[in-house]
Amino acid sequence: MRLLHGLMTLVALMAVAMFTNTAAAQGQTKLRVGDTAPPLYITDWINGSATMIDPDKVYVVEFWATWCGPCKLSIPHLNDLSKKYASRVTFIGVSDEELNTVKPFVQAKGPAMSYLVGVDQDKKTSKGWREAAGQNGIPSAFIVNKERKIVWIGHPMDEQFERVIAAVVEGKYDPKAENQARPAIDAARRAAKLRNYREAYSHYETAIAINPKVFSNLALERYKLMLNDAGDTKGAADYGRTLLTSYADNGLALGDFAVMILTDSEIKDRDTELAQKAATQMISAAGRNDAQILSRLATVQFATGMVKESVDTQMEAWMMAPEASKAAFKVKLDQYRNALGGSQAKLTNSN
């Protein structure tokens, strides 16, 4: 019966997730970034089932074990990310241990390990993924985009892990472009540390030019370098205005720029006017039909003293947000509401 259950689960998973074992069909012995994700062979699911898997989502498949110390350390991080990206990313932890070992461990964690967990069928998933990719240790994570292509392989505590997830979710991650730009990015950051700012700017532009959409974060990084490290307030303002033109049709990039200017703790001299222009162009480019866009607008409104407007906008974003991510939107909504209540109380007392 258990074998039958496992086969049925596998069929359901393959039908929903649409993973295909292209690498195996081609006789490859290694699994690499850019390959189609192999099947998941799962006998039992914990915290859900294969029916929870949505083919329109990004996936993180992480291999772990109950006895693994580093795995235990990574669980809180994975759990936090699974909640942060609940509506857009499915996190799957895979263990090749027995169900009677894995299930009590996960249940004891409770809400601290709330993402989907699967028990590997005779280590077939581990062999097809982790071993095929040459990942000898655990924890080991794979990020799979909506096209079912593996875009990143590594340790879930790697500093690049969350950055890549965020970029993949926003459709701004390209492994080939990352590899092509890596020398220029590293050179820019080395030059910045040595305070060779002109050289750093040149390297940043080389990297950004490879794919401006993918590397919009580097444009913001360069802006911060000019403003904070080089102390070139005018130059940063001029460069910021060029970004409004360069990303005129990229609402998310404009929103990220506006939010960074107003909320990044490292920004020393906040150009409120530039941030407001970026937010205005964000709405022109993207409209008001995206919860993430509206939430960015609410952040800008709140940071510039438009508290009532921020409540209204965040309410609109919260109502529009997918059910799985409404809680995160509600946290910001409550923050703005509390601030509005405090402001109104002060106004009443002053009268």
Protein backbone atom coordinates (compact mmCIF):
# COMPACT_ATOMS: atom_id res chain seq x y z
CA MET A 1 0.00 0.00 0.00
CA ARG A 2 2.81 2.39 0.82
CA LEU A 3 4.44 1.76 -2.57
CA LEU A 4 1.12 2.41 -4.29
CA HIS A 5 0.69 5.61 -2.25
CA GLY A 6 4.18 6.69 -3.26
CA LEU A 7 3.53 6.04 -6.94
CA MET A 8 0.24 7.94 -6.81
CA THR A 9 1.95 10.84 -5.07
CA LEU A 10 4.68 10.85 -7.69
CA VAL A 11 2.19 10.87 -10.53
CA ALA A 12 0.23 13.72 -8.91
CA LEU A 13 3.37 15.71 -8.30
CA MET A 14 4.63 15.27 -11.84
CA ALA A 15 1.23 16.23 -13.25
CA VAL A 16 0.98 19.38 -11.15
CA ALA A 17 4.58 20.52 -11.03
CA MET A 18 5.43 19.45 -14.59
CA PHE A 19 8.99 18.45 -13.76
CA THR A 20 10.63 16.36 -16.51
CA ASN A 21 13.84 14.41 -16.34
CA THR A 22 15.40 15.87 -19.47
CA ALA A 23 18.94 15.49 -18.17
CA ALA A 24 18.48 11.77 -17.59
CA ALA A 25 16.89 11.34 -21.01
CA GLN A 26 19.96 12.87 -22.59
CA GLY A 27 22.26 10.54 -20.68
CA GLN A 28 23.87 13.31 -18.66
CA THR A 29 25.56 12.37 -15.41
CA LYS A 30 25.60 15.91 -13.98
CA LEU A 31 22.81 18.31 -13.15
CA ARG A 32 23.69 21.94 -13.83
CA VAL A 33 22.18 25.39 -13.65
CA GLY A 34 20.05 25.79 -16.75
CA ASP A 35 18.89 22.15 -16.82
CA THR A 36 15.25 21.18 -16.48
CA ALA A 37 14.43 20.13 -12.93
CA PRO A 38 14.17 16.33 -12.47
CA PRO A 39 11.12 14.62 -10.91
CA LEU A 40 10.53 14.49 -7.17
CA TYR A 41 10.04 10.93 -5.92
CA ILE A 42 8.11 11.35 -2.66
CA THR A 43 6.41 8.64 -0.61
CA ASP A 44 4.86 10.90 2.05
CA TRP A 45 4.18 14.60 2.50
CA ILE A 46 4.21 16.53 5.77
CA ASN A 47 2.56 19.96 6.21
CA GLY A 48 0.54 19.40 3.06
CA SER A 49 0.45 17.34 -0.11
CA ALA A 50 1.42 17.40 -3.77
CA THR A 51 -1.88 19.11 -4.55
CA MET A 52 -0.48 22.25 -2.92
CA ILE A 53 2.11 22.58 -5.68
CA ASP A 54 1.25 25.30 -8.16
CA PRO A 55 3.07 25.16 -11.54
CA ASP A 56 2.96 28.96 -11.77
CA LYS A 57 5.20 29.36 -8.73
CA VAL A 58 8.95 29.43 -8.25
CA TYR A 59 10.29 26.45 -6.26
CA VAL A 60 13.01 25.94 -3.69
CA VAL A 61 13.92 22.28 -3.19
CA GLU A 62 16.16 21.78 -0.15
CA PHE A 63 17.79 18.54 0.98
CA TRP A 64 18.20 18.09 4.73
CA ALA A 65 18.14 15.53 7.57
CA THR A 66 17.05 15.51 11.20
CA TRP A 67 20.58 14.58 12.36
CA CYS A 68 22.27 17.40 10.41
CA GLY A 69 23.38 20.32 12.60
CA PRO A 70 23.77 22.88 9.76
CA CYS A 71 20.34 21.81 8.46
CA LYS A 72 18.77 22.62 11.82
CA LEU A 73 20.42 26.04 11.75
CA SER A 74 19.01 26.77 8.29
CA ILE A 75 15.40 25.78 9.13
CA PRO A 76 14.44 29.14 10.73
CA HIS A 77 15.82 30.99 7.71
CA LEU A 78 13.92 28.78 5.27
CA ASN A 79 10.76 29.09 7.33
CA ASP A 80 10.98 32.89 7.38
CA LEU A 81 11.52 32.98 3.61
CA SER A 82 8.64 30.58 3.01
CA LYS A 83 6.34 33.01 4.83
CA LYS A 84 7.79 36.09 3.17
CA TYR A 85 7.30 34.65 -0.32
CA ALA A 86 4.25 32.51 0.50
CA SER A 87 2.19 33.58 -2.49
CA ARG A 88 5.02 33.29 -5.00
CA VAL A 89 7.46 30.56 -3.92
CA THR A 90 6.90 26.96 -2.79
CA PHE A 91 9.55 25.68 -0.38
CA ILE A 92 10.02 21.90 -0.27
CA GLY A 93 12.31 20.20 2.23
CA VAL A 94 13.32 16.67 1.18
CA SER A 95 14.72 14.09 3.62
CA ASP A 96 15.77 10.54 2.73
CA GLU A 97 15.14 9.33 6.29
CA GLU A 98 12.20 7.17 7.35
CA LEU A 99 8.79 8.76 7.83
CA ASN A 100 8.74 7.79 11.52
CA THR A 101 11.92 9.83 11.96
CA VAL A 102 11.03 12.86 9.85
CA LYS A 103 7.37 13.34 10.82
CA PRO A 104 7.86 13.63 14.62
CA PHE A 105 10.74 16.08 14.06
CA VAL A 106 8.66 18.33 11.82
CA GLN A 107 5.60 18.11 14.05
CA ALA A 108 7.68 19.05 17.09
CA LYS A 109 8.84 22.18 15.23
CA GLY A 110 5.25 23.19 14.62
CA PRO A 111 4.92 26.67 13.07
CA ALA A 112 8.71 27.04 13.16
CA MET A 113 8.89 24.57 10.24
CA SER A 114 5.67 25.16 8.36
CA TYR A 115 6.80 24.67 4.76
CA LEU A 116 6.15 21.53 2.71
CA VAL A 117 8.32 18.52 3.63
CA GLY A 118 8.65 15.32 1.60
CA VAL A 119 10.09 11.89 2.45
CA ASP A 120 12.36 10.68 -0.33
CA GLN A 121 11.49 7.39 -2.03
CA ASP A 122 14.54 5.08 -1.71
CA LYS A 123 16.81 8.16 -2.04
CA LYS A 124 15.79 8.51 -5.70
CA THR A 125 15.15 12.25 -5.38
CA SER A 126 18.48 12.83 -3.67
CA LYS A 127 20.29 10.88 -6.38
CA GLY A 128 18.49 12.67 -9.18
CA TRP A 129 19.08 16.14 -7.73
CA ARG A 130 21.78 16.47 -5.09
CA GLU A 131 24.15 13.71 -6.17
CA ALA A 132 23.65 14.44 -9.87
CA ALA A 133 24.61 18.06 -9.20
CA GLY A 134 27.75 17.06 -7.30
CA GLN A 135 26.39 18.43 -4.03
CA ASN A 136 28.01 16.08 -1.54
CA GLY A 137 26.79 17.70 1.66
CA ILE A 138 23.57 18.92 3.20
CA PRO A 139 21.79 21.24 3.48
CA SER A 140 21.75 21.79 -0.24
CA ALA A 141 19.20 23.93 -2.08
CA PHE A 142 17.98 24.28 -5.66
CA ILE A 143 16.01 27.27 -6.96
CA VAL A 144 13.69 26.43 -9.87
CA ASN A 145 11.99 29.12 -11.95
CA LYS A 146 8.50 29.04 -13.46
CA GLU A 147 9.86 27.50 -16.64
CA ARG A 148 11.02 24.53 -14.50
CA LYS A 149 14.69 25.40 -15.08
CA ILE A 150 17.22 25.20 -12.25
CA VAL A 151 18.68 28.69 -11.85
CA TRP A 152 20.76 28.32 -8.68
CA ILE A 153 22.38 25.51 -6.66
CA GLY A 154 24.05 25.98 -3.29
CA HIS A 155 23.81 26.28 0.47
CA PRO A 156 20.56 27.85 1.79
CA MET A 157 22.57 30.04 4.18
CA ASP A 158 24.64 31.47 1.31
CA GLU A 159 24.37 35.27 1.26
CA GLN A 160 23.21 35.06 -2.38
CA PHE A 161 20.31 32.68 -1.66
CA GLU A 162 17.59 35.19 -0.76
CA ARG A 163 18.80 37.72 -3.33
CA VAL A 164 18.42 35.12 -6.08
CA ILE A 165 14.96 34.07 -4.87
CA ALA A 166 13.80 37.69 -4.90
CA ALA A 167 15.26 38.26 -8.37
CA VAL A 168 13.70 35.08 -9.78
CA VAL A 169 10.30 36.02 -8.34
CA GLU A 170 10.50 39.41 -10.02
CA GLY A 171 11.71 37.86 -13.29
CA LYS A 172 15.04 39.63 -12.94
CA TYR A 173 17.44 36.70 -12.66
CA ASP A 174 19.45 35.35 -15.57
CA PRO A 175 22.23 32.86 -14.68
CA LYS A 176 24.10 33.48 -17.94
CA ALA A 177 23.99 37.23 -17.46
CA GLU A 178 25.12 36.77 -13.83
CA ASN A 179 28.17 34.80 -14.95
CA GLN A 180 28.94 37.30 -17.69
CA ALA A 181 28.65 40.27 -15.35
CA ARG A 182 30.40 38.73 -12.33
CA PRO A 183 33.94 39.96 -13.21
CA ALA A 184 32.70 43.54 -13.66
CA ILE A 185 30.62 43.40 -10.46
CA ASP A 186 33.58 42.10 -8.43
CA ALA A 187 35.87 44.72 -9.99
CA ALA A 188 33.39 47.50 -9.16
CA ARG A 189 33.19 46.47 -5.53
CA ARG A 190 36.96 46.11 -5.21
CA ALA A 191 37.45 49.57 -6.67
CA ALA A 192 34.81 50.98 -4.33
CA LYS A 193 36.63 49.57 -1.30
CA LEU A 194 39.82 51.24 -2.52
CA ARG A 195 37.88 54.49 -3.05
CA ASN A 196 38.63 54.44 -6.77
CA TYR A 197 35.14 55.70 -7.44
CA ARG A 198 35.44 56.57 -11.11
CA GLU A 199 36.79 53.12 -11.83
CA ALA A 200 33.98 51.60 -9.76
CA TYR A 201 31.34 53.56 -11.69
CA SER A 202 32.79 52.34 -14.98
CA HIS A 203 32.67 48.70 -13.89
CA TYR A 204 29.11 49.10 -12.61
CA GLU A 205 28.00 50.48 -15.97
CA THR A 206 29.70 47.58 -17.77
CA ALA A 207 27.75 45.09 -15.66
CA ILE A 208 24.43 46.96 -15.89
CA ALA A 209 24.71 47.22 -19.68
CA ILE A 210 24.68 43.41 -19.99
CA ASN A 211 21.03 43.40 -18.90
CA PRO A 212 19.65 46.61 -17.36
CA LYS A 213 16.48 44.90 -16.09
CA VAL A 214 18.34 42.07 -14.38
CA PHE A 215 20.90 44.43 -12.85
CA SER A 216 18.69 47.31 -11.77
CA ASN A 217 19.89 46.54 -8.22
CA LEU A 218 23.42 47.47 -9.31
CA ALA A 219 22.19 50.86 -10.48
CA LEU A 220 20.81 51.46 -6.99
CA GLU A 221 24.07 50.22 -5.50
CA ARG A 222 25.99 52.71 -7.61
CA TYR A 223 23.65 55.53 -6.52
CA LYS A 224 24.35 54.72 -2.85
CA LEU A 225 28.09 54.60 -3.52
CA MET A 226 28.01 58.06 -5.08
CA LEU A 227 25.89 59.52 -2.31
CA ASN A 228 27.33 57.87 0.79
CA ASP A 229 30.92 56.86 0.10
CA ALA A 230 31.98 59.40 -2.51
CA GLY A 231 29.93 62.17 -0.87
CA ASP A 232 28.87 63.41 -4.31
CA THR A 233 25.37 64.65 -3.55
CA LYS A 234 24.94 66.51 -6.85
CA GLY A 235 26.40 63.65 -8.88
CA ALA A 236 24.09 61.17 -7.16
CA ALA A 237 21.07 63.40 -7.84
CA ASP A 238 22.03 63.70 -11.51
CA TYR A 239 22.56 59.95 -11.78
CA GLY A 240 19.25 59.33 -10.02
CA ARG A 241 17.45 61.43 -12.61
CA THR A 242 19.00 59.36 -15.39
CA LEU A 243 17.58 56.25 -13.72
CA LEU A 244 14.07 57.70 -13.97
CA THR A 245 14.61 57.74 -17.74
CA SER A 246 16.48 54.44 -18.00
CA TYR A 247 13.78 52.57 -16.06
CA ALA A 248 10.79 54.61 -17.21
CA ASP A 249 8.89 51.43 -18.15
CA ASN A 250 10.04 49.34 -15.18
CA GLY A 251 7.67 49.96 -12.30
CA LEU A 252 9.34 47.57 -9.87
CA ALA A 253 12.79 49.10 -10.38
CA LEU A 254 11.39 52.61 -9.90
CA GLY A 255 9.54 51.51 -6.79
CA ASP A 256 12.65 49.88 -5.34
CA PHE A 257 14.57 53.09 -6.00
CA ALA A 258 11.98 55.28 -4.27
CA VAL A 259 11.73 52.96 -1.25
CA MET A 260 15.52 52.71 -0.94
CA ILE A 261 15.96 56.49 -0.91
CA LEU A 262 13.39 56.95 1.85
CA THR A 263 13.91 53.90 4.06
CA ASP A 264 17.43 52.51 3.63
CA SER A 265 19.22 53.12 6.94
CA GLU A 266 22.52 53.66 5.08
CA ILE A 267 21.23 56.60 3.05
CA LYS A 268 22.63 59.73 4.65
CA ASP A 269 21.00 62.46 2.56
CA ARG A 270 17.48 61.52 1.46
CA ASP A 271 16.36 63.10 -1.80
CA THR A 272 12.63 63.12 -1.08
CA GLU A 273 11.75 64.91 -4.30
CA LEU A 274 13.58 62.30 -6.39
CA ALA A 275 11.87 59.48 -4.49
CA GLN A 276 8.43 60.98 -5.06
CA LYS A 277 9.15 61.38 -8.78
CA ALA A 278 10.25 57.74 -8.96
CA ALA A 279 7.04 56.65 -7.20
CA THR A 280 4.89 58.72 -9.56
CA GLN A 281 6.62 57.18 -12.59
CA MET A 282 6.23 53.74 -11.01
CA ILE A 283 2.45 54.09 -11.07
CA SER A 284 2.55 55.49 -14.61
CA ALA A 285 4.56 52.47 -15.76
CA ALA A 286 2.87 49.70 -13.78
CA GLY A 287 -0.60 51.01 -12.92
CA ARG A 288 -2.47 50.16 -9.72
CA ASN A 289 -3.28 46.52 -10.41
CA ASP A 290 -0.35 44.96 -8.56
CA ALA A 291 -0.29 44.59 -4.76
CA GLN A 292 3.50 44.85 -4.63
CA ILE A 293 3.46 48.11 -6.57
CA LEU A 294 0.77 49.60 -4.35
CA SER A 295 2.63 48.53 -1.20
CA ARG A 296 5.73 50.35 -2.45
CA LEU A 297 3.62 53.46 -3.07
CA ALA A 298 2.20 53.21 0.47
CA THR A 299 5.76 53.02 1.85
CA VAL A 300 6.70 56.20 0.00
CA GLN A 301 3.55 57.97 1.18
CA PHE A 302 4.14 56.98 4.79
CA ALA A 303 7.81 58.00 4.70
CA THR A 304 6.89 61.43 3.32
CA GLY A 305 4.24 62.16 5.95
CA MET A 306 1.19 61.22 3.89
CA VAL A 307 -0.04 58.84 6.58
CA LYS A 308 -3.75 58.90 5.70
CA GLU A 309 -2.90 58.19 2.05
CA SER A 310 -0.55 55.37 3.05
CA VAL A 311 -3.36 53.67 5.00
CA ASP A 312 -5.72 53.89 2.03
CA THR A 313 -3.12 52.62 -0.43
CA GLN A 314 -1.95 49.78 1.80
CA MET A 315 -5.57 48.77 2.36
CA GLU A 316 -5.98 48.58 -1.41
CA ALA A 317 -2.80 46.50 -1.66
CA TRP A 318 -3.92 44.18 1.16
CA MET A 319 -7.30 43.55 -0.47
CA MET A 320 -5.61 42.79 -3.78
CA ALA A 321 -2.86 40.54 -2.36
CA PRO A 322 -3.05 36.75 -2.76
CA GLU A 323 -4.48 35.00 0.28
CA ALA A 324 -1.17 33.38 1.23
CA SER A 325 0.60 36.73 1.55
CA LYS A 326 -2.16 38.87 3.07
CA ALA A 327 -0.65 38.56 6.56
CA ALA A 328 2.52 40.39 5.51
CA PHE A 329 0.50 43.19 3.91
CA LYS A 330 -1.65 43.42 7.03
CA VAL A 331 1.40 44.02 9.23
CA LYS A 332 2.23 47.17 7.25
CA LEU A 333 -1.41 48.22 7.17
CA ASP A 334 -1.61 47.98 10.97
CA GLN A 335 1.63 49.96 11.30
CA TYR A 336 0.23 52.80 9.20
CA ARG A 337 -3.13 52.70 10.97
CA ASN A 338 -1.47 52.91 14.37
CA ALA A 339 0.61 55.86 13.21
CA LEU A 340 -2.49 57.57 11.84
CA GLY A 341 -4.32 57.01 15.13
CA GLY A 342 -1.41 58.50 17.05
CA SER A 343 -1.29 61.51 14.76
CA GLN A 344 -5.00 62.15 15.14
CA ALA A 345 -4.76 61.81 18.92
CA LYS A 346 -1.97 64.41 19.04
CA LEU A 347 -4.01 66.73 16.86
CA THR A 348 -7.06 66.35 19.14
CA ASN A 349 -5.00 66.99 22.29
CA SER A 350 -3.38 70.09 20.78
CA ASN A 351 -6.82 71.53 20.12
